Amino acid sequence: MTLFDLREEVAVVIGGTGVLGGALAEGLAEAGAKVAVLGRNAGRGEARVKVITDKGGRAAFVSADAISRSSLAEAHQQIEARLGAPTILLNAAGGNDPKVTVTPERAFETIAAEDWRANFELNLMGGVLFPCQEFGPAMCRRGKGSIINIASVSAHIPLSRVVTYSAAKAAVLSLTRFLAREWAANGVRVNSLTPGFFPGEQNRRLLFNEDGTPTARGQVILGHTPMKRFGEARELIGAAVFLASPRASSFVTGADLVVDGGFLAQTI
């Protein structure tokens, strides 16, 4: 068995119906894991499962709402019945709501409290807290598990405009380290994976014009990225498989693995 062989693992990918989460679900399946693709969009979830199974992988779509504890509990039961006890949890749900984006027309002080709460509910509560509360204790009881939380470069350096998203993702990093310390003695490792700029459903219009050229904000990002390009979803897979593998990263917990083309290393 190789360092990156996941054939004995059962992976839960929350947000597996999205661009990045879906690519990571495929990557874990390619490494041998049985994968539960969780999300609210059945059409996209089943389509992702078909891609995996067509390649010989093992996967199932399970409908779930990450901000609902009861929905996650029901999903957990389905996963155990269909695939087995989860040993990997990858939390990839999240995103930024335009209503909480600071613009010349929308000042920071005008962002409503309920919109702040909704953004934190999506990115922190549903994005990490509730899934960890549901799946983490069962992993601790079995003495085995790897939890991977998707963070953001904006958690390290608050980016302009997306203040609520940056704050929520910074909280993800803090919660990751807390859980890493709390669950280490139970054999459960908890780490985060920080992507740089990867075009997806929610940020594509911010990064590209309709003709496919970078927007003004996209050009600024590219100018701040030493590799001078955006990332591709599959470029996150190697990092995720490393963190998921109980052999390759057996002594890694509380870490944040950055895949950003050098964005955080750039200064002037």
C-alpha atoms as a PDB file:
ATOM      1  CA  MET A   1       0.000   0.000   0.000  1.00  0.00           C
ATOM      2  CA  THR A   2       1.426   3.383  -1.049  1.00  0.00           C
ATOM      3  CA  LEU A   3       1.573   6.583   0.945  1.00  0.00           C
ATOM      4  CA  PHE A   4      -1.373   8.044  -0.945  1.00  0.00           C
ATOM      5  CA  ASP A   5      -3.596   4.959  -1.194  1.00  0.00           C
ATOM      6  CA  LEU A   6      -7.071   5.707   0.207  1.00  0.00           C
ATOM      7  CA  ARG A   7      -8.743   2.378  -0.611  1.00  0.00           C
ATOM      8  CA  GLU A   8      -9.541   1.732   3.051  1.00  0.00           C
ATOM      9  CA  GLU A   9     -11.125   5.170   3.542  1.00  0.00           C
ATOM     10  CA  VAL A  10     -14.665   6.558   3.353  1.00  0.00           C
ATOM     11  CA  ALA A  11     -14.673  10.255   2.498  1.00  0.00           C
ATOM     12  CA  VAL A  12     -17.481  12.765   3.043  1.00  0.00           C
ATOM     13  CA  VAL A  13     -17.209  15.841   0.825  1.00  0.00           C
ATOM     14  CA  ILE A  14     -19.608  18.555   1.944  1.00  0.00           C
ATOM     15  CA  GLY A  15     -20.073  21.008  -0.902  1.00  0.00           C
ATOM     16  CA  GLY A  16     -19.158  18.257  -3.344  1.00  0.00           C
ATOM     17  CA  THR A  17     -21.690  19.621  -5.807  1.00  0.00           C
ATOM     18  CA  GLY A  18     -19.569  22.743  -6.390  1.00  0.00           C
ATOM     19  CA  VAL A  19     -16.605  23.259  -8.696  1.00  0.00           C
ATOM     20  CA  LEU A  20     -13.801  22.899  -6.149  1.00  0.00           C
ATOM     21  CA  GLY A  21     -15.578  20.424  -3.894  1.00  0.00           C
ATOM     22  CA  GLY A  22     -16.530  18.300  -6.876  1.00  0.00           C
ATOM     23  CA  ALA A  23     -12.967  18.177  -8.169  1.00  0.00           C
ATOM     24  CA  LEU A  24     -11.748  17.187  -4.716  1.00  0.00           C
ATOM     25  CA  ALA A  25     -14.398  14.457  -4.493  1.00  0.00           C
ATOM     26  CA  GLU A  26     -13.134  13.062  -7.804  1.00  0.00           C
ATOM     27  CA  GLY A  27      -9.543  13.242  -6.593  1.00  0.00           C
ATOM     28  CA  LEU A  28     -10.248  11.350  -3.381  1.00  0.00           C
ATOM     29  CA  ALA A  29     -12.113   8.702  -5.378  1.00  0.00           C
ATOM     30  CA  GLU A  30      -9.207   8.391  -7.805  1.00  0.00           C
ATOM     31  CA  ALA A  31      -6.971   7.693  -4.795  1.00  0.00           C
ATOM     32  CA  GLY A  32      -9.302   4.830  -3.882  1.00  0.00           C
ATOM     33  CA  ALA A  33     -11.683   6.266  -1.289  1.00  0.00           C
ATOM     34  CA  LYS A  34     -15.397   5.602  -1.290  1.00  0.00           C
ATOM     35  CA  VAL A  35     -16.851   9.097  -1.557  1.00  0.00           C
ATOM     36  CA  ALA A  36     -20.117  10.573  -0.326  1.00  0.00           C
ATOM     37  CA  VAL A  37     -20.898  13.724  -2.311  1.00  0.00           C
ATOM     38  CA  LEU A  38     -23.028  15.969  -0.092  1.00  0.00           C
ATOM     39  CA  GLY A  39     -24.951  19.031  -1.215  1.00  0.00           C
ATOM     40  CA  ARG A  40     -28.370  20.468  -1.940  1.00  0.00           C
ATOM     41  CA  ASN A  41     -28.374  20.193  -5.738  1.00  0.00           C
ATOM     42  CA  ALA A  42     -29.259  16.606  -6.629  1.00  0.00           C
ATOM     43  CA  GLY A  43     -28.686  17.120 -10.344  1.00  0.00           C
ATOM     44  CA  ARG A  44     -25.122  18.300  -9.927  1.00  0.00           C
ATOM     45  CA  GLY A  45     -24.458  15.765  -7.198  1.00  0.00           C
ATOM     46  CA  GLU A  46     -25.600  12.809  -9.266  1.00  0.00           C
ATOM     47  CA  ALA A  47     -23.644  14.126 -12.247  1.00  0.00           C
ATOM     48  CA  ARG A  48     -20.477  14.237 -10.137  1.00  0.00           C
ATOM     49  CA  VAL A  49     -21.103  10.710  -8.885  1.00  0.00           C
ATOM     50  CA  LYS A  50     -21.507   9.508 -12.472  1.00  0.00           C
ATOM     51  CA  VAL A  51     -18.145  11.004 -13.420  1.00  0.00           C
ATOM     52  CA  ILE A  52     -16.552   9.133 -10.518  1.00  0.00           C
ATOM     53  CA  THR A  53     -18.253   5.801 -11.149  1.00  0.00           C
ATOM     54  CA  ASP A  54     -17.629   5.984 -14.910  1.00  0.00           C
ATOM     55  CA  LYS A  55     -13.919   6.041 -14.048  1.00  0.00           C
ATOM     56  CA  GLY A  56     -14.292   2.972 -11.833  1.00  0.00           C
ATOM     57  CA  GLY A  57     -14.599   4.841  -8.559  1.00  0.00           C
ATOM     58  CA  ARG A  58     -17.085   4.322  -5.754  1.00  0.00           C
ATOM     59  CA  ALA A  59     -19.391   7.181  -4.808  1.00  0.00           C
ATOM     60  CA  ALA A  60     -22.918   8.138  -3.801  1.00  0.00           C
ATOM     61  CA  PHE A  61     -24.801  11.412  -3.687  1.00  0.00           C
ATOM     62  CA  VAL A  62     -26.443  12.234  -0.359  1.00  0.00           C
ATOM     63  CA  SER A  63     -28.704  15.260  -0.111  1.00  0.00           C
ATOM     64  CA  ALA A  64     -27.818  17.496   2.823  1.00  0.00           C
ATOM     65  CA  ASP A  65     -27.967  21.097   3.987  1.00  0.00           C
ATOM     66  CA  ALA A  66     -24.758  21.930   5.838  1.00  0.00           C
ATOM     67  CA  ILE A  67     -26.400  24.593   7.995  1.00  0.00           C
ATOM     68  CA  SER A  68     -28.933  22.086   9.347  1.00  0.00           C
ATOM     69  CA  ARG A  69     -27.735  19.744  12.111  1.00  0.00           C
ATOM     70  CA  SER A  70     -30.686  17.407  11.592  1.00  0.00           C
ATOM     71  CA  SER A  71     -29.973  17.219   7.847  1.00  0.00           C
ATOM     72  CA  LEU A  72     -26.345  16.336   8.513  1.00  0.00           C
ATOM     73  CA  ALA A  73     -27.349  13.692  11.066  1.00  0.00           C
ATOM     74  CA  GLU A  74     -29.688  12.067   8.551  1.00  0.00           C
ATOM     75  CA  ALA A  75     -26.964  12.197   5.889  1.00  0.00           C
ATOM     76  CA  HIS A  76     -24.516  10.590   8.316  1.00  0.00           C
ATOM     77  CA  GLN A  77     -26.855   7.634   8.796  1.00  0.00           C
ATOM     78  CA  GLN A  78     -27.278   7.213   5.036  1.00  0.00           C
ATOM     79  CA  ILE A  79     -23.524   7.303   4.463  1.00  0.00           C
ATOM     80  CA  GLU A  80     -22.835   4.643   7.066  1.00  0.00           C
ATOM     81  CA  ALA A  81     -25.523   2.409   5.553  1.00  0.00           C
ATOM     82  CA  ARG A  82     -24.401   2.882   1.935  1.00  0.00           C
ATOM     83  CA  LEU A  83     -20.620   3.327   2.116  1.00  0.00           C
ATOM     84  CA  GLY A  84     -19.455   2.622   5.651  1.00  0.00           C
ATOM     85  CA  ALA A  85     -18.179   4.689   8.572  1.00  0.00           C
ATOM     86  CA  PRO A  86     -16.596   7.984   7.413  1.00  0.00           C
ATOM     87  CA  THR A  87     -12.863   8.360   8.042  1.00  0.00           C
ATOM     88  CA  ILE A  88     -12.336  11.541   5.995  1.00  0.00           C
ATOM     89  CA  LEU A  89     -14.367  14.746   6.209  1.00  0.00           C
ATOM     90  CA  LEU A  90     -13.668  17.463   3.685  1.00  0.00           C
ATOM     91  CA  ASN A  91     -15.588  20.688   4.334  1.00  0.00           C
ATOM     92  CA  ALA A  92     -15.858  22.565   1.037  1.00  0.00           C
ATOM     93  CA  ALA A  93     -19.166  24.400   1.455  1.00  0.00           C
ATOM     94  CA  GLY A  94     -19.071  28.189   1.523  1.00  0.00           C
ATOM     95  CA  GLY A  95     -18.937  31.330  -0.539  1.00  0.00           C
ATOM     96  CA  ASN A  96     -19.356  35.095  -0.472  1.00  0.00           C
ATOM     97  CA  ASP A  97     -22.730  36.821  -0.734  1.00  0.00           C
ATOM     98  CA  PRO A  98     -22.701  39.994  -2.889  1.00  0.00           C
ATOM     99  CA  LYS A  99     -24.901  41.644  -0.251  1.00  0.00           C
ATOM    100  CA  VAL A 100     -21.944  41.747   2.142  1.00  0.00           C
ATOM    101  CA  THR A 101     -19.371  42.907  -0.403  1.00  0.00           C
ATOM    102  CA  VAL A 102     -18.072  46.421   0.257  1.00  0.00           C
ATOM    103  CA  THR A 103     -18.338  48.616  -2.850  1.00  0.00           C
ATOM    104  CA  PRO A 104     -18.329  52.352  -3.565  1.00  0.00           C
ATOM    105  CA  GLU A 105     -22.120  52.158  -3.275  1.00  0.00           C
ATOM    106  CA  ARG A 106     -22.131  49.952  -0.153  1.00  0.00           C
ATOM    107  CA  ALA A 107     -19.982  51.155   2.725  1.00  0.00           C
ATOM    108  CA  PHE A 108     -18.715  48.804   5.423  1.00  0.00           C
ATOM    109  CA  GLU A 109     -20.860  50.401   8.112  1.00  0.00           C
ATOM    110  CA  THR A 110     -24.056  49.839   6.114  1.00  0.00           C
ATOM    111  CA  ILE A 111     -23.783  46.035   6.015  1.00  0.00           C
ATOM    112  CA  ALA A 112     -26.732  44.709   7.988  1.00  0.00           C
ATOM    113  CA  ALA A 113     -26.197  42.489  11.018  1.00  0.00           C
ATOM    114  CA  GLU A 114     -28.397  39.768   9.558  1.00  0.00           C
ATOM    115  CA  ASP A 115     -26.210  39.656   6.437  1.00  0.00           C
ATOM    116  CA  TRP A 116     -23.084  39.294   8.590  1.00  0.00           C
ATOM    117  CA  ARG A 117     -24.782  36.439  10.447  1.00  0.00           C
ATOM    118  CA  ALA A 118     -25.846  34.727   7.219  1.00  0.00           C
ATOM    119  CA  ASN A 119     -22.288  34.858   5.875  1.00  0.00           C
ATOM    120  CA  PHE A 120     -20.869  33.388   9.071  1.00  0.00           C
ATOM    121  CA  GLU A 121     -23.613  30.771   9.133  1.00  0.00           C
ATOM    122  CA  LEU A 122     -22.623  29.616   5.649  1.00  0.00           C
ATOM    123  CA  ASN A 123     -18.822  29.784   5.894  1.00  0.00           C
ATOM    124  CA  LEU A 124     -18.197  28.992   9.561  1.00  0.00           C
ATOM    125  CA  MET A 125     -21.243  27.252  10.996  1.00  0.00           C
ATOM    126  CA  GLY A 126     -22.305  25.208   7.976  1.00  0.00           C
ATOM    127  CA  GLY A 127     -18.884  25.313   6.383  1.00  0.00           C
ATOM    128  CA  VAL A 128     -17.016  23.759   9.323  1.00  0.00           C
ATOM    129  CA  LEU A 129     -18.648  23.828  12.773  1.00  0.00           C
ATOM    130  CA  PHE A 130     -21.816  21.766  12.207  1.00  0.00           C
ATOM    131  CA  PRO A 131     -20.148  19.091  10.014  1.00  0.00           C
ATOM    132  CA  CYS A 132     -17.332  18.707  12.555  1.00  0.00           C
ATOM    133  CA  GLN A 133     -19.844  18.424  15.394  1.00  0.00           C
ATOM    134  CA  GLU A 134     -21.706  15.702  13.491  1.00  0.00           C
ATOM    135  CA  PHE A 135     -18.859  13.604  12.070  1.00  0.00           C
ATOM    136  CA  GLY A 136     -15.948  14.406  14.392  1.00  0.00           C
ATOM    137  CA  PRO A 137     -17.128  12.657  17.584  1.00  0.00           C
ATOM    138  CA  ALA A 138     -17.806   9.402  15.705  1.00  0.00           C
ATOM    139  CA  MET A 139     -14.268   9.531  14.284  1.00  0.00           C
ATOM    140  CA  CYS A 140     -12.917  10.119  17.802  1.00  0.00           C
ATOM    141  CA  ARG A 141     -14.790   7.089  19.128  1.00  0.00           C
ATOM    142  CA  ARG A 142     -13.269   4.932  16.396  1.00  0.00           C
ATOM    143  CA  GLY A 143      -9.813   6.447  16.971  1.00  0.00           C
ATOM    144  CA  LYS A 144      -9.257   7.390  13.347  1.00  0.00           C
ATOM    145  CA  GLY A 145     -10.026  10.287  11.051  1.00  0.00           C
ATOM    146  CA  SER A 146      -8.828  13.193   8.947  1.00  0.00           C
ATOM    147  CA  ILE A 147     -10.781  16.444   8.714  1.00  0.00           C
ATOM    148  CA  ILE A 148      -9.876  18.986   6.042  1.00  0.00           C
ATOM    149  CA  ASN A 149     -11.412  22.453   6.184  1.00  0.00           C
ATOM    150  CA  ILE A 150     -11.263  24.701   3.130  1.00  0.00           C
ATOM    151  CA  ALA A 151      -9.987  28.131   4.174  1.00  0.00           C
ATOM    152  CA  SER A 152      -8.948  31.040   1.933  1.00  0.00           C
ATOM    153  CA  VAL A 153      -6.011  33.349   1.317  1.00  0.00           C
ATOM    154  CA  SER A 154      -8.339  36.085   2.565  1.00  0.00           C
ATOM    155  CA  ALA A 155      -8.204  34.454   6.005  1.00  0.00           C
ATOM    156  CA  HIS A 156      -4.487  35.326   6.140  1.00  0.00           C
ATOM    157  CA  ILE A 157      -4.627  38.768   4.534  1.00  0.00           C
ATOM    158  CA  PRO A 158      -8.097  40.375   4.576  1.00  0.00           C
ATOM    159  CA  LEU A 159      -8.854  41.241   0.967  1.00  0.00           C
ATOM    160  CA  SER A 160     -10.548  44.428  -0.107  1.00  0.00           C
ATOM    161  CA  ARG A 161     -14.341  44.314  -0.447  1.00  0.00           C
ATOM    162  CA  VAL A 162     -14.946  40.817   1.011  1.00  0.00           C
ATOM    163  CA  VAL A 163     -14.618  41.738   4.674  1.00  0.00           C
ATOM    164  CA  THR A 164     -17.265  39.347   6.066  1.00  0.00           C
ATOM    165  CA  TYR A 165     -15.937  36.417   4.030  1.00  0.00           C
ATOM    166  CA  SER A 166     -12.387  37.151   5.192  1.00  0.00           C
ATOM    167  CA  ALA A 167     -13.490  37.294   8.829  1.00  0.00           C
ATOM    168  CA  ALA A 168     -15.438  34.047   8.559  1.00  0.00           C
ATOM    169  CA  LYS A 169     -12.538  32.221   6.910  1.00  0.00           C
ATOM    170  CA  ALA A 170     -10.133  33.530   9.560  1.00  0.00           C
ATOM    171  CA  ALA A 171     -12.464  31.940  12.102  1.00  0.00           C
ATOM    172  CA  VAL A 172     -12.206  28.680  10.123  1.00  0.00           C
ATOM    173  CA  LEU A 173      -8.441  28.688  10.633  1.00  0.00           C
ATOM    174  CA  SER A 174      -8.848  29.279  14.367  1.00  0.00           C
ATOM    175  CA  LEU A 175     -11.461  26.539  14.759  1.00  0.00           C
ATOM    176  CA  THR A 176      -9.260  24.145  12.776  1.00  0.00           C
ATOM    177  CA  ARG A 177      -6.376  24.629  15.187  1.00  0.00           C
ATOM    178  CA  PHE A 178      -8.640  24.311  18.215  1.00  0.00           C
ATOM    179  CA  LEU A 179     -10.067  20.990  17.009  1.00  0.00           C
ATOM    180  CA  ALA A 180      -6.610  19.730  16.035  1.00  0.00           C
ATOM    181  CA  ARG A 181      -5.515  20.178  19.641  1.00  0.00           C
ATOM    182  CA  GLU A 182      -8.710  18.760  21.141  1.00  0.00           C
ATOM    183  CA  TRP A 183      -8.948  15.604  19.025  1.00  0.00           C
ATOM    184  CA  ALA A 184      -5.290  14.674  18.502  1.00  0.00           C
ATOM    185  CA  ALA A 185      -5.329  12.203  21.386  1.00  0.00           C
ATOM    186  CA  ASN A 186      -8.302  10.462  19.752  1.00  0.00           C
ATOM    187  CA  GLY A 187      -6.444   9.790  16.520  1.00  0.00           C
ATOM    188  CA  VAL A 188      -8.272  12.470  14.539  1.00  0.00           C
ATOM    189  CA  ARG A 189      -6.200  14.962  12.572  1.00  0.00           C
ATOM    190  CA  VAL A 190      -7.686  18.352  11.658  1.00  0.00           C
ATOM    191  CA  ASN A 191      -6.063  20.570   9.041  1.00  0.00           C
ATOM    192  CA  SER A 192      -7.018  23.310   6.626  1.00  0.00           C
ATOM    193  CA  LEU A 193      -6.383  23.742   2.925  1.00  0.00           C
ATOM    194  CA  THR A 194      -6.049  27.309   1.670  1.00  0.00           C
ATOM    195  CA  PRO A 195      -6.704  27.841  -2.039  1.00  0.00           C
ATOM    196  CA  GLY A 196      -5.577  30.928  -3.853  1.00  0.00           C
ATOM    197  CA  PHE A 197      -7.760  32.165  -6.695  1.00  0.00           C
ATOM    198  CA  PHE A 198      -9.581  29.367  -8.463  1.00  0.00           C
ATOM    199  CA  PRO A 199     -12.404  30.384 -10.810  1.00  0.00           C
ATOM    200  CA  GLY A 200     -15.688  28.866  -9.689  1.00  0.00           C
ATOM    201  CA  GLU A 201     -19.382  29.530  -9.936  1.00  0.00           C
ATOM    202  CA  GLN A 202     -19.467  32.393  -7.460  1.00  0.00           C
ATOM    203  CA  ASN A 203     -16.346  34.348  -8.374  1.00  0.00           C
ATOM    204  CA  ARG A 204     -16.125  33.863 -12.134  1.00  0.00           C
ATOM    205  CA  ARG A 205     -17.888  37.146 -12.906  1.00  0.00           C
ATOM    206  CA  LEU A 206     -15.521  38.969 -10.560  1.00  0.00           C
ATOM    207  CA  LEU A 207     -12.485  37.509 -12.312  1.00  0.00           C
ATOM    208  CA  PHE A 208     -13.523  37.434 -15.981  1.00  0.00           C
ATOM    209  CA  ASN A 209     -15.337  39.638 -18.438  1.00  0.00           C
ATOM    210  CA  GLU A 210     -17.927  38.095 -20.762  1.00  0.00           C
ATOM    211  CA  ASP A 211     -15.276  37.814 -23.487  1.00  0.00           C
ATOM    212  CA  GLY A 212     -13.052  35.727 -21.209  1.00  0.00           C
ATOM    213  CA  THR A 213     -10.466  38.423 -20.480  1.00  0.00           C
ATOM    214  CA  PRO A 214      -9.630  39.231 -16.837  1.00  0.00           C
ATOM    215  CA  THR A 215     -11.618  41.984 -15.165  1.00  0.00           C
ATOM    216  CA  ALA A 216      -9.802  44.882 -13.528  1.00  0.00           C
ATOM    217  CA  ARG A 217      -9.920  42.982 -10.207  1.00  0.00           C
ATOM    218  CA  GLY A 218      -8.762  39.824 -11.958  1.00  0.00           C
ATOM    219  CA  GLN A 219      -5.784  41.697 -13.399  1.00  0.00           C
ATOM    220  CA  VAL A 220      -4.834  42.961  -9.932  1.00  0.00           C
ATOM    221  CA  ILE A 221      -4.963  39.399  -8.580  1.00  0.00           C
ATOM    222  CA  LEU A 222      -2.853  38.053 -11.427  1.00  0.00           C
ATOM    223  CA  GLY A 223      -0.363  40.861 -10.868  1.00  0.00           C
ATOM    224  CA  HIS A 224      -0.078  39.800  -7.228  1.00  0.00           C
ATOM    225  CA  THR A 225       0.340  36.095  -8.082  1.00  0.00           C
ATOM    226  CA  PRO A 226       3.945  35.130  -8.964  1.00  0.00           C
ATOM    227  CA  MET A 227       2.759  32.327 -11.263  1.00  0.00           C
ATOM    228  CA  LYS A 228       0.689  34.913 -13.209  1.00  0.00           C
ATOM    229  CA  ARG A 229      -2.373  32.706 -13.593  1.00  0.00           C
ATOM    230  CA  PHE A 230      -5.413  31.429 -11.736  1.00  0.00           C
ATOM    231  CA  GLY A 231      -5.455  27.935 -10.297  1.00  0.00           C
ATOM    232  CA  GLU A 232      -7.303  24.983 -11.778  1.00  0.00           C
ATOM    233  CA  ALA A 233      -9.555  22.948  -9.495  1.00  0.00           C
ATOM    234  CA  ARG A 234      -7.613  19.723  -9.966  1.00  0.00           C
ATOM    235  CA  GLU A 235      -4.464  21.438  -8.678  1.00  0.00           C
ATOM    236  CA  LEU A 236      -5.927  21.176  -5.168  1.00  0.00           C
ATOM    237  CA  ILE A 237      -6.257  17.391  -5.299  1.00  0.00           C
ATOM    238  CA  GLY A 238      -2.665  16.491  -4.404  1.00  0.00           C
ATOM    239  CA  ALA A 239      -2.792  18.595  -1.247  1.00  0.00           C
ATOM    240  CA  ALA A 240      -6.163  17.130  -0.232  1.00  0.00           C
ATOM    241  CA  VAL A 241      -5.051  13.535  -0.786  1.00  0.00           C
ATOM    242  CA  PHE A 242      -1.891  14.212   1.234  1.00  0.00           C
ATOM    243  CA  LEU A 243      -3.882  15.570   4.178  1.00  0.00           C
ATOM    244  CA  ALA A 244      -6.449  12.775   3.902  1.00  0.00           C
ATOM    245  CA  SER A 245      -3.919   9.948   3.865  1.00  0.00           C
ATOM    246  CA  PRO A 246      -3.268   8.386   7.292  1.00  0.00           C
ATOM    247  CA  ARG A 247       0.177   7.337   6.056  1.00  0.00           C
ATOM    248  CA  ALA A 248       1.399  10.378   4.109  1.00  0.00           C
ATOM    249  CA  SER A 249       0.400  12.932   6.778  1.00  0.00           C
ATOM    250  CA  SER A 250       0.255  10.822   9.925  1.00  0.00           C
ATOM    251  CA  PHE A 251       2.045  13.489  12.044  1.00  0.00           C
ATOM    252  CA  VAL A 252       0.328  16.511  10.470  1.00  0.00           C
ATOM    253  CA  THR A 253      -2.441  18.227  12.416  1.00  0.00           C
ATOM    254  CA  GLY A 254      -3.326  21.856  13.034  1.00  0.00           C
ATOM    255  CA  ALA A 255      -1.572  22.804   9.791  1.00  0.00           C
ATOM    256  CA  ASP A 256      -2.697  25.011   6.934  1.00  0.00           C
ATOM    257  CA  LEU A 257      -1.554  23.892   3.491  1.00  0.00           C
ATOM    258  CA  VAL A 258      -1.529  26.803   1.012  1.00  0.00           C
ATOM    259  CA  VAL A 259      -2.024  26.243  -2.732  1.00  0.00           C
ATOM    260  CA  ASP A 260      -2.037  29.743  -4.184  1.00  0.00           C
ATOM    261  CA  GLY A 261       0.575  30.130  -6.912  1.00  0.00           C
ATOM    262  CA  GLY A 262       2.636  32.243  -4.517  1.00  0.00           C
ATOM    263  CA  PHE A 263      -0.083  34.838  -3.769  1.00  0.00           C
ATOM    264  CA  LEU A 264       0.655  35.031  -0.031  1.00  0.00           C
ATOM    265  CA  ALA A 265       4.403  35.220  -0.692  1.00  0.00           C
ATOM    266  CA  GLN A 266       4.098  38.328  -2.870  1.00  0.00           C
ATOM    267  CA  THR A 267       4.729  41.755  -1.378  1.00  0.00           C
ATOM    268  CA  ILE A 268       5.966  44.452  -3.775  1.00  0.00           C
END
